[in-house]
Amino acid sequence: MARIDDEMKTRFQNDKHRMLSNIVFTGNWIKNQFSEFIKPFGISPQQFNILRILRGANDWLNMNEVRNRMVEKSPNATRLCDKLVDKKLLERFRGEEDRRAVYLRITKQGLSLLKRIDDHDDGSHKSFADNVTNEEAIIVSRILDKLRE
């Protein structure tokens, strides 16, 4: 991949503007790499994220907690879950005391799909991460954490 200046064919106001543009541009590039990897399995990256959250929970989880744990916070998480329920990858029930509370759990079919994805994952969709050392990865993570302070 070329330098961000060449990719976007623009001049930046300053180095911080370049950095922020680069973060957004690169984040979208990485997201597109993963979208291409996950496409053959018939789910979106956001749906994959929900399935992974529920696999890790190992039990029923409140919909609000699922939303809070999502990498990409999605205002349409309910619709994403509806589609996963329709595909029989999730099951859901409403709380008895509070009917507004919705609980979700991954099904055996959902676990099976994640296993197929895991088995298919040869790492090629994220091999670009090999271009940085572990030390560089630590520095980038610290900088990103610092931006969110």
Protein backbone atom coordinates (compact mmCIF):
# COMPACT_ATOMS: atom_id res chain seq x y z
CA MET A 1 0.00 0.00 0.00
CA ALA A 2 1.25 3.45 -0.84
CA ARG A 3 1.66 6.37 1.50
CA ILE A 4 -1.61 8.00 2.55
CA ASP A 5 -0.68 11.18 0.63
CA ASP A 6 -0.50 9.17 -2.59
CA GLU A 7 -3.58 7.05 -1.84
CA MET A 8 -5.80 10.05 -1.16
CA LYS A 9 -4.04 12.35 -3.64
CA THR A 10 -4.27 15.29 -1.32
CA ARG A 11 -2.25 17.56 0.87
CA PHE A 12 -2.91 17.54 4.56
CA GLN A 13 -3.10 20.58 6.83
CA ASN A 14 -0.48 19.11 9.16
CA ASP A 15 0.87 15.81 10.46
CA LYS A 16 -2.01 15.32 12.91
CA HIS A 17 -4.54 15.77 10.11
CA ARG A 18 -2.54 13.23 8.04
CA MET A 19 -2.53 10.80 10.98
CA LEU A 20 -6.29 11.05 11.59
CA SER A 21 -7.06 10.65 7.88
CA ASN A 22 -4.68 7.71 7.75
CA ILE A 23 -6.38 6.02 10.71
CA VAL A 24 -9.82 6.32 9.12
CA PHE A 25 -8.58 5.30 5.66
CA THR A 26 -6.63 2.32 6.99
CA GLY A 27 -9.47 1.26 9.30
CA ASN A 28 -11.82 1.12 6.33
CA TRP A 29 -9.20 -0.76 4.28
CA ILE A 30 -8.83 -3.37 7.03
CA LYS A 31 -12.61 -3.62 7.37
CA ASN A 32 -12.92 -4.28 3.62
CA GLN A 33 -10.26 -7.02 3.83
CA PHE A 34 -12.27 -8.78 6.54
CA SER A 35 -15.59 -8.26 4.70
CA GLU A 36 -14.17 -10.11 1.70
CA PHE A 37 -12.99 -12.96 3.93
CA ILE A 38 -16.37 -13.35 5.68
CA LYS A 39 -18.58 -12.88 2.58
CA PRO A 40 -18.71 -16.58 1.52
CA PHE A 41 -20.25 -17.48 4.89
CA GLY A 42 -23.37 -15.36 4.33
CA ILE A 43 -22.99 -13.06 7.32
CA SER A 44 -21.72 -9.53 7.78
CA PRO A 45 -18.70 -8.58 9.89
CA GLN A 46 -21.10 -7.10 12.48
CA GLN A 47 -23.08 -10.36 12.62
CA PHE A 48 -19.81 -12.27 12.97
CA ASN A 49 -18.91 -10.00 15.89
CA ILE A 50 -22.26 -10.73 17.58
CA LEU A 51 -21.79 -14.49 17.14
CA ARG A 52 -18.27 -14.30 18.59
CA ILE A 53 -19.51 -12.30 21.58
CA LEU A 54 -22.20 -14.87 22.29
CA ARG A 55 -19.83 -17.81 21.81
CA GLY A 56 -17.54 -16.23 24.40
CA ALA A 57 -20.42 -15.59 26.80
CA ASN A 58 -21.29 -19.30 26.85
CA ASP A 59 -24.81 -18.45 28.05
CA TRP A 60 -27.70 -16.07 27.59
CA LEU A 61 -26.60 -12.45 27.29
CA ASN A 62 -28.68 -9.29 27.47
CA MET A 63 -28.96 -7.44 24.14
CA ASN A 64 -27.59 -4.26 25.74
CA GLU A 65 -24.49 -6.13 26.88
CA VAL A 66 -24.00 -7.50 23.35
CA ARG A 67 -24.20 -3.92 21.98
CA ASN A 68 -21.68 -2.71 24.57
CA ARG A 69 -19.19 -5.43 23.60
CA MET A 70 -19.40 -4.89 19.84
CA VAL A 71 -16.25 -3.68 18.10
CA GLU A 72 -18.32 -1.53 15.76
CA LYS A 73 -21.19 -0.08 17.76
CA SER A 74 -24.27 -0.57 15.63
CA PRO A 75 -27.55 1.26 16.05
CA ASN A 76 -29.21 -1.55 14.11
CA ALA A 77 -27.95 -4.38 16.33
CA THR A 78 -31.54 -5.55 16.82
CA ARG A 79 -32.00 -5.95 13.07
CA LEU A 80 -28.65 -7.76 12.80
CA CYS A 81 -29.77 -10.17 15.53
CA ASP A 82 -33.18 -10.63 13.87
CA LYS A 83 -31.39 -11.86 10.75
CA LEU A 84 -29.23 -14.23 12.81
CA VAL A 85 -32.35 -15.58 14.54
CA ASP A 86 -34.00 -16.09 11.11
CA LYS A 87 -30.91 -18.05 10.03
CA LYS A 88 -31.21 -20.12 13.24
CA LEU A 89 -27.75 -18.99 14.37
CA LEU A 90 -29.14 -17.29 17.50
CA GLU A 91 -32.08 -17.80 19.78
CA ARG A 92 -33.75 -15.07 21.77
CA PHE A 93 -36.26 -14.60 24.57
CA ARG A 94 -37.79 -11.64 26.34
CA GLY A 95 -37.43 -11.18 30.08
CA GLU A 96 -40.44 -12.24 32.11
CA GLU A 97 -40.28 -9.37 34.59
CA ASP A 98 -39.26 -6.73 32.06
CA ARG A 99 -40.58 -7.51 28.57
CA ARG A 100 -38.25 -4.86 27.13
CA ALA A 101 -35.20 -6.92 28.11
CA VAL A 102 -34.09 -9.22 25.29
CA TYR A 103 -31.68 -12.09 25.87
CA LEU A 104 -29.65 -13.86 23.19
CA ARG A 105 -27.74 -17.11 22.96
CA ILE A 106 -25.80 -18.70 20.12
CA THR A 107 -27.26 -21.94 18.76
CA LYS A 108 -25.46 -25.13 17.77
CA GLN A 109 -25.78 -23.99 14.14
CA GLY A 110 -24.14 -20.68 15.10
CA LEU A 111 -21.30 -22.50 16.83
CA SER A 112 -20.92 -24.75 13.79
CA LEU A 113 -20.69 -21.74 11.47
CA LEU A 114 -18.01 -20.13 13.65
CA LYS A 115 -16.08 -23.43 13.64
CA ARG A 116 -16.24 -23.50 9.82
CA ILE A 117 -15.00 -19.91 9.68
CA ASP A 118 -12.20 -20.67 12.17
CA ASP A 119 -11.19 -23.75 10.15
CA HIS A 120 -11.17 -21.70 6.93
CA ASP A 121 -9.10 -18.89 8.49
CA ASP A 122 -5.57 -19.31 7.21
CA GLY A 123 -4.71 -15.77 8.28
CA SER A 124 -4.27 -14.49 4.72
CA HIS A 125 -6.91 -11.77 5.21
CA LYS A 126 -4.80 -10.29 7.99
CA SER A 127 -1.29 -11.12 6.80
CA PHE A 128 -0.67 -7.40 6.26
CA ALA A 129 -0.20 -7.20 10.04
CA ASP A 130 3.07 -9.08 9.50
CA ASN A 131 4.44 -5.81 8.07
CA VAL A 132 4.82 -4.44 11.60
CA THR A 133 6.87 -5.77 14.49
CA ASN A 134 5.37 -6.62 17.88
CA GLU A 135 7.05 -3.53 19.31
CA GLU A 136 5.49 -1.34 16.60
CA ALA A 137 2.09 -2.92 17.27
CA ILE A 138 2.40 -2.04 20.97
CA ILE A 139 3.29 1.56 20.12
CA VAL A 140 0.37 1.92 17.68
CA SER A 141 -2.05 0.46 20.23
CA ARG A 142 -0.80 2.87 22.89
CA ILE A 143 -1.24 5.81 20.54
CA LEU A 144 -4.76 4.71 19.60
CA ASP A 145 -5.66 4.26 23.27
CA LYS A 146 -4.27 7.73 23.96
CA LEU A 147 -6.47 9.25 21.24
CA ARG A 148 -9.57 7.91 23.00
CA GLU A 149 -8.63 9.31 26.44
